[in-house]
Amino acid sequence: MSETGFFRDQHDDLQALASTMLAHLHVDELSKDASKVNRLLTELASQLKVHLIMEDHTLYSKLLEHRDERIRSTASRLYVEMDSLGKAVAAHKKQWPNALQIQKHPAEFIAQTRAMMDLLIKRIDMENSELYKLVDEL
């Protein structure tokens, strides 16, 4: 397995959770019962938090000090982006703390969640294709 294989697996898990959640974002479904989506959001926020902590301590800490400027600059840019994404997901979860809140405002939740999941998927793809590719080439 490559040095980034473990993190790529975590990315796959996060993208699968995001896809599952996106499949359940329907106003009629959420206005009746949002418990499944609430559980998925909680799981995604928790997994992302753990992923970012592990990635920061084992990967980014080394890459931000790397001798190759290209690796340092890519790592620095993506570190800031992923950190801001982690904070945004945590804030989103805080705004929608339970199924009842989601059920009361399903359209608003759907719009915000779709935007958040699109951003998450794009950032994961960017990290996989840019940073992890550089690391695996080392």
N, C-alpha and C. Protein backbone atom coordinates (compact mmCIF):
# COMPACT_ATOMS: atom_id res chain seq x y z
N MET A 1 0.84 -1.18 0.00
CA MET A 1 0.00 0.00 0.00
C MET A 1 0.89 1.25 0.00
N SER A 2 0.48 2.25 -0.75
CA SER A 2 1.24 3.50 -0.79
C SER A 2 1.16 4.20 0.56
N GLU A 3 2.00 5.21 0.72
CA GLU A 3 2.01 5.96 1.99
C GLU A 3 0.67 6.65 2.23
N THR A 4 -0.03 6.96 1.16
CA THR A 4 -1.32 7.65 1.29
C THR A 4 -2.52 6.70 1.22
N GLY A 5 -2.27 5.42 1.08
CA GLY A 5 -3.36 4.46 0.92
C GLY A 5 -4.39 4.50 2.03
N PHE A 6 -3.93 4.60 3.26
CA PHE A 6 -4.84 4.65 4.41
C PHE A 6 -5.73 5.88 4.34
N PHE A 7 -5.12 7.02 3.98
CA PHE A 7 -5.90 8.26 3.90
C PHE A 7 -6.85 8.24 2.70
N ARG A 8 -6.43 7.62 1.61
CA ARG A 8 -7.33 7.48 0.46
C ARG A 8 -8.54 6.61 0.84
N ASP A 9 -8.30 5.57 1.62
CA ASP A 9 -9.42 4.73 2.10
C ASP A 9 -10.38 5.55 2.95
N GLN A 10 -9.84 6.40 3.81
CA GLN A 10 -10.70 7.27 4.62
C GLN A 10 -11.49 8.23 3.72
N HIS A 11 -10.83 8.75 2.70
CA HIS A 11 -11.52 9.62 1.75
C HIS A 11 -12.67 8.88 1.07
N ASP A 12 -12.41 7.63 0.69
CA ASP A 12 -13.47 6.82 0.06
C ASP A 12 -14.66 6.66 1.01
N ASP A 13 -14.38 6.42 2.28
CA ASP A 13 -15.44 6.28 3.27
C ASP A 13 -16.23 7.58 3.43
N LEU A 14 -15.53 8.71 3.47
CA LEU A 14 -16.20 10.00 3.60
C LEU A 14 -17.05 10.30 2.38
N GLN A 15 -16.53 9.99 1.20
CA GLN A 15 -17.29 10.23 -0.02
C GLN A 15 -18.52 9.31 -0.09
N ALA A 16 -18.39 8.10 0.39
CA ALA A 16 -19.54 7.18 0.41
C ALA A 16 -20.61 7.70 1.36
N LEU A 17 -20.20 8.19 2.52
CA LEU A 17 -21.17 8.79 3.46
C LEU A 17 -21.86 9.99 2.84
N ALA A 18 -21.08 10.85 2.18
CA ALA A 18 -21.64 12.04 1.54
C ALA A 18 -22.64 11.63 0.45
N SER A 19 -22.30 10.63 -0.34
CA SER A 19 -23.20 10.16 -1.40
C SER A 19 -24.49 9.58 -0.83
N THR A 20 -24.36 8.82 0.24
CA THR A 20 -25.54 8.25 0.89
C THR A 20 -26.44 9.37 1.42
N MET A 21 -25.81 10.36 2.04
CA MET A 21 -26.60 11.46 2.57
C MET A 21 -27.28 12.22 1.45
N LEU A 22 -26.56 12.50 0.37
CA LEU A 22 -27.15 13.22 -0.76
C LEU A 22 -28.36 12.47 -1.34
N ALA A 23 -28.31 11.16 -1.31
CA ALA A 23 -29.42 10.36 -1.85
C ALA A 23 -30.69 10.49 -1.02
N HIS A 24 -30.56 10.96 0.21
CA HIS A 24 -31.71 11.08 1.11
C HIS A 24 -32.18 12.52 1.30
N LEU A 25 -31.66 13.42 0.50
CA LEU A 25 -32.03 14.82 0.66
C LEU A 25 -33.25 15.16 -0.20
N HIS A 26 -34.41 14.83 0.35
CA HIS A 26 -35.68 15.11 -0.29
C HIS A 26 -36.60 15.75 0.74
N VAL A 27 -37.21 16.86 0.38
CA VAL A 27 -38.04 17.60 1.32
C VAL A 27 -39.12 16.72 1.93
N ASP A 28 -39.82 15.95 1.10
CA ASP A 28 -40.92 15.12 1.63
C ASP A 28 -40.40 14.08 2.63
N GLU A 29 -39.25 13.50 2.35
CA GLU A 29 -38.66 12.50 3.26
C GLU A 29 -38.21 13.15 4.57
N LEU A 30 -37.49 14.25 4.46
CA LEU A 30 -36.93 14.89 5.66
C LEU A 30 -37.98 15.56 6.52
N SER A 31 -39.06 16.04 5.92
CA SER A 31 -40.10 16.69 6.72
C SER A 31 -40.86 15.67 7.58
N LYS A 32 -40.79 14.40 7.20
CA LYS A 32 -41.45 13.34 7.99
C LYS A 32 -40.50 12.72 9.01
N ASP A 33 -39.28 12.42 8.56
CA ASP A 33 -38.32 11.76 9.44
C ASP A 33 -36.90 12.05 8.96
N ALA A 34 -36.18 12.82 9.72
CA ALA A 34 -34.81 13.20 9.37
C ALA A 34 -33.77 12.45 10.20
N SER A 35 -34.20 11.44 10.92
CA SER A 35 -33.27 10.75 11.83
C SER A 35 -32.12 10.07 11.09
N LYS A 36 -32.39 9.48 9.94
CA LYS A 36 -31.32 8.80 9.20
C LYS A 36 -30.28 9.82 8.71
N VAL A 37 -30.74 10.91 8.14
CA VAL A 37 -29.83 11.93 7.65
C VAL A 37 -29.06 12.57 8.81
N ASN A 38 -29.72 12.76 9.92
CA ASN A 38 -29.04 13.30 11.10
C ASN A 38 -27.92 12.36 11.55
N ARG A 39 -28.19 11.07 11.57
CA ARG A 39 -27.15 10.09 11.94
C ARG A 39 -26.00 10.12 10.94
N LEU A 40 -26.33 10.21 9.65
CA LEU A 40 -25.29 10.26 8.63
C LEU A 40 -24.43 11.52 8.77
N LEU A 41 -25.06 12.65 9.04
CA LEU A 41 -24.32 13.89 9.23
C LEU A 41 -23.41 13.80 10.46
N THR A 42 -23.92 13.24 11.52
CA THR A 42 -23.11 13.05 12.74
C THR A 42 -21.91 12.15 12.45
N GLU A 43 -22.16 11.06 11.75
CA GLU A 43 -21.08 10.12 11.42
C GLU A 43 -20.04 10.78 10.50
N LEU A 44 -20.52 11.51 9.51
CA LEU A 44 -19.60 12.17 8.59
C LEU A 44 -18.76 13.21 9.32
N ALA A 45 -19.38 14.04 10.14
CA ALA A 45 -18.64 15.07 10.88
C ALA A 45 -17.59 14.42 11.80
N SER A 46 -17.97 13.32 12.45
CA SER A 46 -17.03 12.63 13.35
C SER A 46 -15.87 12.01 12.58
N GLN A 47 -16.18 11.33 11.48
CA GLN A 47 -15.12 10.70 10.68
C GLN A 47 -14.19 11.74 10.07
N LEU A 48 -14.75 12.85 9.62
CA LEU A 48 -13.92 13.90 9.05
C LEU A 48 -12.99 14.48 10.10
N LYS A 49 -13.51 14.70 11.29
CA LYS A 49 -12.69 15.25 12.37
C LYS A 49 -11.51 14.32 12.68
N VAL A 50 -11.77 13.03 12.81
CA VAL A 50 -10.72 12.06 13.08
C VAL A 50 -9.71 12.02 11.93
N HIS A 51 -10.23 12.01 10.71
CA HIS A 51 -9.37 11.97 9.53
C HIS A 51 -8.42 13.17 9.52
N LEU A 52 -8.96 14.36 9.75
CA LEU A 52 -8.14 15.56 9.71
C LEU A 52 -7.07 15.56 10.80
N ILE A 53 -7.43 15.09 11.97
CA ILE A 53 -6.44 15.01 13.06
C ILE A 53 -5.32 14.05 12.69
N MET A 54 -5.69 12.87 12.20
CA MET A 54 -4.67 11.88 11.82
C MET A 54 -3.80 12.40 10.69
N GLU A 55 -4.44 13.00 9.71
CA GLU A 55 -3.72 13.52 8.55
C GLU A 55 -2.76 14.64 8.97
N ASP A 56 -3.23 15.52 9.84
CA ASP A 56 -2.38 16.62 10.31
C ASP A 56 -1.14 16.10 11.02
N HIS A 57 -1.32 15.12 11.90
CA HIS A 57 -0.21 14.64 12.71
C HIS A 57 0.76 13.74 11.97
N THR A 58 0.26 12.97 11.02
CA THR A 58 1.15 12.01 10.38
C THR A 58 1.59 12.39 8.97
N LEU A 59 0.84 13.24 8.30
CA LEU A 59 1.18 13.57 6.92
C LEU A 59 1.55 15.04 6.76
N TYR A 60 0.62 15.92 7.08
CA TYR A 60 0.88 17.35 6.87
C TYR A 60 2.05 17.87 7.69
N SER A 61 2.23 17.38 8.90
CA SER A 61 3.35 17.85 9.72
C SER A 61 4.69 17.61 9.01
N LYS A 62 4.80 16.51 8.29
CA LYS A 62 6.03 16.21 7.54
C LYS A 62 6.09 17.03 6.25
N LEU A 63 4.98 17.12 5.55
CA LEU A 63 4.97 17.76 4.23
C LEU A 63 5.18 19.27 4.32
N LEU A 64 4.71 19.88 5.38
CA LEU A 64 4.89 21.32 5.54
C LEU A 64 6.35 21.69 5.82
N GLU A 65 7.15 20.70 6.18
CA GLU A 65 8.58 20.89 6.44
C GLU A 65 9.45 20.26 5.35
N HIS A 66 8.85 19.74 4.30
CA HIS A 66 9.58 19.02 3.26
C HIS A 66 10.57 19.91 2.54
N ARG A 67 11.65 19.34 2.07
CA ARG A 67 12.70 20.11 1.38
C ARG A 67 12.26 20.59 0.00
N ASP A 68 11.29 19.91 -0.61
CA ASP A 68 10.80 20.28 -1.95
C ASP A 68 9.74 21.37 -1.82
N GLU A 69 10.01 22.53 -2.42
CA GLU A 69 9.10 23.68 -2.34
C GLU A 69 7.72 23.36 -2.92
N ARG A 70 7.69 22.61 -3.98
CA ARG A 70 6.41 22.24 -4.62
C ARG A 70 5.53 21.46 -3.65
N ILE A 71 6.12 20.56 -2.91
CA ILE A 71 5.38 19.76 -1.93
C ILE A 71 4.95 20.65 -0.77
N ARG A 72 5.85 21.48 -0.27
CA ARG A 72 5.50 22.39 0.83
C ARG A 72 4.35 23.32 0.45
N SER A 73 4.42 23.91 -0.73
CA SER A 73 3.38 24.88 -1.12
C SER A 73 2.04 24.19 -1.37
N THR A 74 2.06 23.03 -1.99
CA THR A 74 0.81 22.28 -2.20
C THR A 74 0.23 21.87 -0.87
N ALA A 75 1.07 21.35 0.02
CA ALA A 75 0.60 20.93 1.34
C ALA A 75 0.04 22.11 2.12
N SER A 76 0.70 23.24 2.05
CA SER A 76 0.25 24.42 2.79
C SER A 76 -1.12 24.88 2.30
N ARG A 77 -1.29 24.96 0.99
CA ARG A 77 -2.57 25.40 0.42
C ARG A 77 -3.69 24.44 0.79
N LEU A 78 -3.46 23.16 0.62
CA LEU A 78 -4.51 22.18 0.89
C LEU A 78 -4.77 22.03 2.39
N TYR A 79 -3.75 22.22 3.20
CA TYR A 79 -3.94 22.17 4.65
C TYR A 79 -4.93 23.24 5.10
N VAL A 80 -4.75 24.44 4.60
CA VAL A 80 -5.65 25.55 4.96
C VAL A 80 -7.06 25.25 4.46
N GLU A 81 -7.17 24.75 3.23
CA GLU A 81 -8.48 24.45 2.66
C GLU A 81 -9.19 23.34 3.43
N MET A 82 -8.47 22.28 3.76
CA MET A 82 -9.11 21.17 4.46
C MET A 82 -9.45 21.56 5.89
N ASP A 83 -8.61 22.37 6.52
CA ASP A 83 -8.91 22.84 7.87
C ASP A 83 -10.18 23.69 7.86
N SER A 84 -10.31 24.57 6.89
CA SER A 84 -11.51 25.40 6.83
C SER A 84 -12.74 24.55 6.52
N LEU A 85 -12.57 23.52 5.72
CA LEU A 85 -13.68 22.62 5.43
C LEU A 85 -14.10 21.86 6.69
N GLY A 86 -13.15 21.38 7.46
CA GLY A 86 -13.47 20.69 8.71
C GLY A 86 -14.25 21.59 9.65
N LYS A 87 -13.84 22.84 9.74
CA LYS A 87 -14.55 23.80 10.59
C LYS A 87 -15.95 24.07 10.05
N ALA A 88 -16.08 24.15 8.73
CA ALA A 88 -17.39 24.41 8.13
C ALA A 88 -18.35 23.24 8.36
N VAL A 89 -17.86 22.02 8.26
CA VAL A 89 -18.70 20.84 8.52
C VAL A 89 -19.12 20.81 9.98
N ALA A 90 -18.20 21.12 10.88
CA ALA A 90 -18.53 21.16 12.31
C ALA A 90 -19.58 22.23 12.59
N ALA A 91 -19.46 23.38 11.95
CA ALA A 91 -20.44 24.45 12.14
C ALA A 91 -21.80 24.05 11.56
N HIS A 92 -21.78 23.36 10.44
CA HIS A 92 -23.02 22.87 9.83
C HIS A 92 -23.73 21.89 10.77
N LYS A 93 -22.96 21.00 11.35
CA LYS A 93 -23.54 20.03 12.29
C LYS A 93 -24.11 20.75 13.51
N LYS A 94 -23.42 21.78 13.96
CA LYS A 94 -23.89 22.54 15.12
C LYS A 94 -25.19 23.29 14.79
N GLN A 95 -25.28 23.78 13.56
CA GLN A 95 -26.49 24.48 13.13
C GLN A 95 -27.68 23.52 13.03
N TRP A 96 -27.40 22.27 12.68
CA TRP A 96 -28.44 21.25 12.53
C TRP A 96 -28.16 20.12 13.53
N PRO A 97 -28.39 20.36 14.82
CA PRO A 97 -27.96 19.43 15.86
C PRO A 97 -28.79 18.16 15.99
N ASN A 98 -30.01 18.18 15.44
CA ASN A 98 -30.87 17.01 15.63
C ASN A 98 -31.88 16.89 14.49
N ALA A 99 -32.54 15.76 14.45
CA ALA A 99 -33.50 15.48 13.39
C ALA A 99 -34.67 16.47 13.39
N LEU A 100 -35.10 16.89 14.55
CA LEU A 100 -36.23 17.82 14.64
C LEU A 100 -35.92 19.14 13.94
N GLN A 101 -34.72 19.68 14.13
CA GLN A 101 -34.34 20.92 13.46
C GLN A 101 -34.36 20.75 11.94
N ILE A 102 -33.89 19.61 11.48
CA ILE A 102 -33.88 19.33 10.04
C ILE A 102 -35.31 19.21 9.52
N GLN A 103 -36.15 18.52 10.26
CA GLN A 103 -37.55 18.32 9.85
C GLN A 103 -38.30 19.65 9.77
N LYS A 104 -37.97 20.60 10.63
CA LYS A 104 -38.65 21.90 10.63
C LYS A 104 -38.30 22.74 9.40
N HIS A 105 -37.08 22.58 8.88
CA HIS A 105 -36.60 23.40 7.77
C HIS A 105 -35.87 22.53 6.73
N PRO A 106 -36.55 21.56 6.15
CA PRO A 106 -35.86 20.62 5.27
C PRO A 106 -35.25 21.26 4.01
N ALA A 107 -35.92 22.21 3.41
CA ALA A 107 -35.38 22.82 2.18
C ALA A 107 -34.08 23.57 2.45
N GLU A 108 -34.05 24.30 3.55
CA GLU A 108 -32.84 25.03 3.93
C GLU A 108 -31.70 24.05 4.23
N PHE A 109 -32.02 23.01 4.98
CA PHE A 109 -31.01 22.00 5.29
C PHE A 109 -30.47 21.36 4.01
N ILE A 110 -31.36 21.03 3.10
CA ILE A 110 -30.96 20.38 1.85
C ILE A 110 -30.01 21.28 1.06
N ALA A 111 -30.37 22.54 0.89
CA ALA A 111 -29.53 23.46 0.12
C ALA A 111 -28.14 23.59 0.75
N GLN A 112 -28.10 23.79 2.04
CA GLN A 112 -26.82 23.95 2.73
C GLN A 112 -26.00 22.66 2.69
N THR A 113 -26.67 21.54 2.87
CA THR A 113 -25.97 20.25 2.91
C THR A 113 -25.44 19.88 1.53
N ARG A 114 -26.21 20.11 0.49
CA ARG A 114 -25.72 19.83 -0.87
C ARG A 114 -24.47 20.65 -1.18
N ALA A 115 -24.50 21.93 -0.83
CA ALA A 115 -23.34 22.78 -1.07
C ALA A 115 -22.12 22.26 -0.29
N MET A 116 -22.35 21.88 0.96
CA MET A 116 -21.27 21.37 1.81
C MET A 116 -20.70 20.06 1.26
N MET A 117 -21.56 19.15 0.85
CA MET A 117 -21.09 17.86 0.35
C MET A 117 -20.37 18.02 -0.99
N ASP A 118 -20.84 18.93 -1.84
CA ASP A 118 -20.13 19.21 -3.10
C ASP A 118 -18.72 19.71 -2.80
N LEU A 119 -18.62 20.62 -1.86
CA LEU A 119 -17.32 21.16 -1.47
C LEU A 119 -16.42 20.06 -0.90
N LEU A 120 -16.97 19.24 -0.04
CA LEU A 120 -16.20 18.14 0.56
C LEU A 120 -15.67 17.20 -0.52
N ILE A 121 -16.53 16.79 -1.43
CA ILE A 121 -16.12 15.85 -2.48
C ILE A 121 -15.05 16.47 -3.37
N LYS A 122 -15.22 17.74 -3.73
CA LYS A 122 -14.22 18.41 -4.58
C LYS A 122 -12.87 18.54 -3.87
N ARG A 123 -12.91 18.87 -2.60
CA ARG A 123 -11.65 19.03 -1.86
C ARG A 123 -10.96 17.69 -1.67
N ILE A 124 -11.71 16.64 -1.41
CA ILE A 124 -11.11 15.30 -1.29
C ILE A 124 -10.48 14.90 -2.62
N ASP A 125 -11.20 15.13 -3.71
CA ASP A 125 -10.65 14.80 -5.03
C ASP A 125 -9.36 15.58 -5.30
N MET A 126 -9.34 16.86 -4.90
CA MET A 126 -8.15 17.69 -5.10
C MET A 126 -6.98 17.16 -4.27
N GLU A 127 -7.25 16.79 -3.03
CA GLU A 127 -6.18 16.27 -2.18
C GLU A 127 -5.65 14.95 -2.75
N ASN A 128 -6.56 14.08 -3.20
CA ASN A 128 -6.14 12.81 -3.80
C ASN A 128 -5.29 13.02 -5.05
N SER A 129 -5.75 13.91 -5.92
CA SER A 129 -5.09 14.07 -7.22
C SER A 129 -3.85 14.95 -7.18
N GLU A 130 -3.79 15.88 -6.24
CA GLU A 130 -2.63 16.77 -6.17
C GLU A 130 -1.62 16.32 -5.11
N LEU A 131 -2.02 16.41 -3.85
CA LEU A 131 -1.08 16.17 -2.76
C LEU A 131 -0.68 14.69 -2.66
N TYR A 132 -1.66 13.83 -2.61
CA TYR A 132 -1.34 12.40 -2.45
C TYR A 132 -0.55 11.88 -3.63
N LYS A 133 -0.82 12.40 -4.81
CA LYS A 133 -0.06 12.00 -5.99
C LYS A 133 1.41 12.38 -5.82
N LEU A 134 1.67 13.60 -5.33
CA LEU A 134 3.05 14.03 -5.07
C LEU A 134 3.73 13.14 -4.04
N VAL A 135 3.02 12.85 -2.97
CA VAL A 135 3.58 12.02 -1.89
C VAL A 135 3.91 10.62 -2.41
N ASP A 136 3.00 10.05 -3.18
CA ASP A 136 3.21 8.70 -3.70
C ASP A 136 4.35 8.63 -4.71
N GLU A 137 4.63 9.75 -5.37
CA GLU A 137 5.73 9.80 -6.33
C GLU A 137 7.10 9.88 -5.65
N LEU A 138 7.12 10.26 -4.37
CA LEU A 138 8.40 10.39 -3.65
C LEU A 138 9.08 9.05 -3.50
